[in-house]
Amino acid sequence: MQRFWGLCIGASLAAWPAMAQDGRVGAGREVAARWCVNCHVVDPAQASGNDVTPSFRSVANRPGTTAESLHVFLAVPHGKMPFQALSNPDLDSVSAYILSLKR
């Protein structure tokens, strides 16, 4: 019986990172829908964005795009993008959401 509970706990702990990642992806989708959707195509089902800005899927598929590179890029003002001053958890969530769109 002790072995059974050990296996159950081990399986739960192994699934924890995936569940946490899913939560960040959902939160990132919500932040993007609030702040980014006016210029970017943030969801593959979205009809249109701004012709000048890349879609989140195209950003995800760029060589070298990582959670860290997205976090740094989104944390500082750049180009004509309005600076949103997102919190670190929001930056992590938007980064996770963008990376979830990678094909």
C-alpha atoms as a PDB file:
ATOM      1  CA  MET A   1       0.000   0.000   0.000  1.00  0.00           C
ATOM      2  CA  GLN A   2       2.848   2.370   0.810  1.00  0.00           C
ATOM      3  CA  ARG A   3       4.324   1.732  -2.629  1.00  0.00           C
ATOM      4  CA  PHE A   4       0.934   2.549  -4.218  1.00  0.00           C
ATOM      5  CA  TRP A   5       0.800   5.966  -2.532  1.00  0.00           C
ATOM      6  CA  GLY A   6       4.395   6.616  -3.439  1.00  0.00           C
ATOM      7  CA  LEU A   7       3.588   5.959  -7.094  1.00  0.00           C
ATOM      8  CA  CYS A   8       0.519   8.217  -6.919  1.00  0.00           C
ATOM      9  CA  ILE A   9       2.498  11.055  -5.376  1.00  0.00           C
ATOM     10  CA  GLY A  10       5.304  10.574  -7.894  1.00  0.00           C
ATOM     11  CA  ALA A  11       2.880  10.702 -10.818  1.00  0.00           C
ATOM     12  CA  SER A  12       1.257  13.849  -9.437  1.00  0.00           C
ATOM     13  CA  LEU A  13       4.608  15.574  -9.028  1.00  0.00           C
ATOM     14  CA  ALA A  14       5.634  14.582 -12.557  1.00  0.00           C
ATOM     15  CA  ALA A  15       2.450  16.165 -13.954  1.00  0.00           C
ATOM     16  CA  TRP A  16       2.855  19.388 -11.949  1.00  0.00           C
ATOM     17  CA  PRO A  17       5.112  21.257 -14.467  1.00  0.00           C
ATOM     18  CA  ALA A  18       2.688  20.533 -17.323  1.00  0.00           C
ATOM     19  CA  MET A  19      -0.281  21.740 -15.266  1.00  0.00           C
ATOM     20  CA  ALA A  20       1.601  24.891 -14.262  1.00  0.00           C
ATOM     21  CA  GLN A  21       2.547  25.491 -17.901  1.00  0.00           C
ATOM     22  CA  ASP A  22      -1.097  25.077 -18.973  1.00  0.00           C
ATOM     23  CA  GLY A  23      -2.118  27.667 -16.383  1.00  0.00           C
ATOM     24  CA  ARG A  24       0.483  30.133 -17.657  1.00  0.00           C
ATOM     25  CA  VAL A  25      -0.608  29.566 -21.253  1.00  0.00           C
ATOM     26  CA  GLY A  26      -4.241  30.322 -20.372  1.00  0.00           C
ATOM     27  CA  ALA A  27      -3.258  33.391 -18.388  1.00  0.00           C
ATOM     28  CA  GLY A  28      -1.029  34.542 -21.252  1.00  0.00           C
ATOM     29  CA  ARG A  29      -3.889  34.162 -23.710  1.00  0.00           C
ATOM     30  CA  GLU A  30      -6.016  36.403 -21.468  1.00  0.00           C
ATOM     31  CA  VAL A  31      -3.300  39.063 -21.152  1.00  0.00           C
ATOM     32  CA  ALA A  32      -2.750  39.009 -24.932  1.00  0.00           C
ATOM     33  CA  ALA A  33      -6.489  39.368 -25.558  1.00  0.00           C
ATOM     34  CA  ARG A  34      -6.491  42.439 -23.325  1.00  0.00           C
ATOM     35  CA  TRP A  35      -3.283  44.196 -24.386  1.00  0.00           C
ATOM     36  CA  CYS A  36      -1.954  42.819 -27.677  1.00  0.00           C
ATOM     37  CA  VAL A  37      -4.953  41.990 -29.857  1.00  0.00           C
ATOM     38  CA  ASN A  38      -5.317  45.490 -31.313  1.00  0.00           C
ATOM     39  CA  CYS A  39      -2.075  45.155 -33.245  1.00  0.00           C
ATOM     40  CA  HIS A  40      -1.110  41.473 -33.268  1.00  0.00           C
ATOM     41  CA  VAL A  41      -2.928  38.364 -34.369  1.00  0.00           C
ATOM     42  CA  VAL A  42      -2.687  36.649 -30.999  1.00  0.00           C
ATOM     43  CA  ASP A  43      -4.918  33.652 -31.719  1.00  0.00           C
ATOM     44  CA  PRO A  44      -4.829  31.536 -34.874  1.00  0.00           C
ATOM     45  CA  ALA A  45      -8.626  31.927 -35.142  1.00  0.00           C
ATOM     46  CA  GLN A  46      -8.389  35.740 -35.058  1.00  0.00           C
ATOM     47  CA  ALA A  47      -9.424  37.340 -38.342  1.00  0.00           C
ATOM     48  CA  SER A  48      -6.964  40.227 -38.467  1.00  0.00           C
ATOM     49  CA  GLY A  49      -4.482  42.391 -36.652  1.00  0.00           C
ATOM     50  CA  ASN A  50      -2.229  45.177 -37.854  1.00  0.00           C
ATOM     51  CA  ASP A  51      -0.477  44.523 -41.194  1.00  0.00           C
ATOM     52  CA  VAL A  52       2.798  45.839 -39.803  1.00  0.00           C
ATOM     53  CA  THR A  53       3.069  43.689 -36.680  1.00  0.00           C
ATOM     54  CA  PRO A  54       3.876  39.977 -36.682  1.00  0.00           C
ATOM     55  CA  SER A  55       1.398  37.381 -35.491  1.00  0.00           C
ATOM     56  CA  PHE A  56       2.182  35.613 -32.254  1.00  0.00           C
ATOM     57  CA  ARG A  57       2.533  32.339 -34.194  1.00  0.00           C
ATOM     58  CA  SER A  58       5.161  33.863 -36.490  1.00  0.00           C
ATOM     59  CA  VAL A  59       7.041  35.196 -33.455  1.00  0.00           C
ATOM     60  CA  ALA A  60       6.914  31.729 -31.864  1.00  0.00           C
ATOM     61  CA  ASN A  61       8.376  30.157 -35.001  1.00  0.00           C
ATOM     62  CA  ARG A  62      11.301  32.532 -35.365  1.00  0.00           C
ATOM     63  CA  PRO A  63      14.688  30.904 -34.809  1.00  0.00           C
ATOM     64  CA  GLY A  64      16.014  31.737 -31.368  1.00  0.00           C
ATOM     65  CA  THR A  65      12.646  32.526 -29.807  1.00  0.00           C
ATOM     66  CA  THR A  66      12.712  31.299 -26.215  1.00  0.00           C
ATOM     67  CA  ALA A  67      10.835  32.119 -23.039  1.00  0.00           C
ATOM     68  CA  GLU A  68      13.830  34.164 -21.926  1.00  0.00           C
ATOM     69  CA  SER A  69      14.160  36.113 -25.177  1.00  0.00           C
ATOM     70  CA  LEU A  70      10.437  36.913 -25.182  1.00  0.00           C
ATOM     71  CA  HIS A  71      10.510  37.969 -21.533  1.00  0.00           C
ATOM     72  CA  VAL A  72      13.412  40.351 -22.143  1.00  0.00           C
ATOM     73  CA  PHE A  73      11.916  41.730 -25.368  1.00  0.00           C
ATOM     74  CA  LEU A  74       8.531  42.386 -23.781  1.00  0.00           C
ATOM     75  CA  ALA A  75      10.005  43.903 -20.611  1.00  0.00           C
ATOM     76  CA  VAL A  76      11.521  46.966 -22.300  1.00  0.00           C
ATOM     77  CA  PRO A  77      10.030  49.586 -24.618  1.00  0.00           C
ATOM     78  CA  HIS A  78      10.854  48.963 -28.267  1.00  0.00           C
ATOM     79  CA  GLY A  79       9.979  50.393 -31.640  1.00  0.00           C
ATOM     80  CA  LYS A  80       6.500  51.793 -32.020  1.00  0.00           C
ATOM     81  CA  MET A  81       4.986  49.246 -29.665  1.00  0.00           C
ATOM     82  CA  PRO A  82       3.236  50.936 -26.749  1.00  0.00           C
ATOM     83  CA  PHE A  83       4.953  49.999 -23.511  1.00  0.00           C
ATOM     84  CA  GLN A  84       2.547  48.045 -21.322  1.00  0.00           C
ATOM     85  CA  ALA A  85       4.780  47.589 -18.242  1.00  0.00           C
ATOM     86  CA  LEU A  86       3.512  44.049 -17.656  1.00  0.00           C
ATOM     87  CA  SER A  87       4.304  42.333 -14.374  1.00  0.00           C
ATOM     88  CA  ASN A  88       6.837  39.501 -14.343  1.00  0.00           C
ATOM     89  CA  PRO A  89       4.080  36.871 -14.002  1.00  0.00           C
ATOM     90  CA  ASP A  90       2.258  38.425 -16.986  1.00  0.00           C
ATOM     91  CA  LEU A  91       5.488  38.469 -19.004  1.00  0.00           C
ATOM     92  CA  ASP A  92       6.045  34.797 -18.188  1.00  0.00           C
ATOM     93  CA  SER A  93       2.448  33.980 -19.115  1.00  0.00           C
ATOM     94  CA  VAL A  94       2.484  35.841 -22.436  1.00  0.00           C
ATOM     95  CA  SER A  95       5.808  34.205 -23.276  1.00  0.00           C
ATOM     96  CA  ALA A  96       4.384  30.758 -22.468  1.00  0.00           C
ATOM     97  CA  TYR A  97       1.318  31.483 -24.594  1.00  0.00           C
ATOM     98  CA  ILE A  98       3.398  32.644 -27.570  1.00  0.00           C
ATOM     99  CA  LEU A  99       5.586  29.547 -27.342  1.00  0.00           C
ATOM    100  CA  SER A 100       2.487  27.329 -27.186  1.00  0.00           C
ATOM    101  CA  LEU A 101       1.668  28.506 -30.727  1.00  0.00           C
ATOM    102  CA  LYS A 102       4.886  27.086 -32.142  1.00  0.00           C
ATOM    103  CA  ARG A 103       4.334  24.474 -34.837  1.00  0.00           C
END
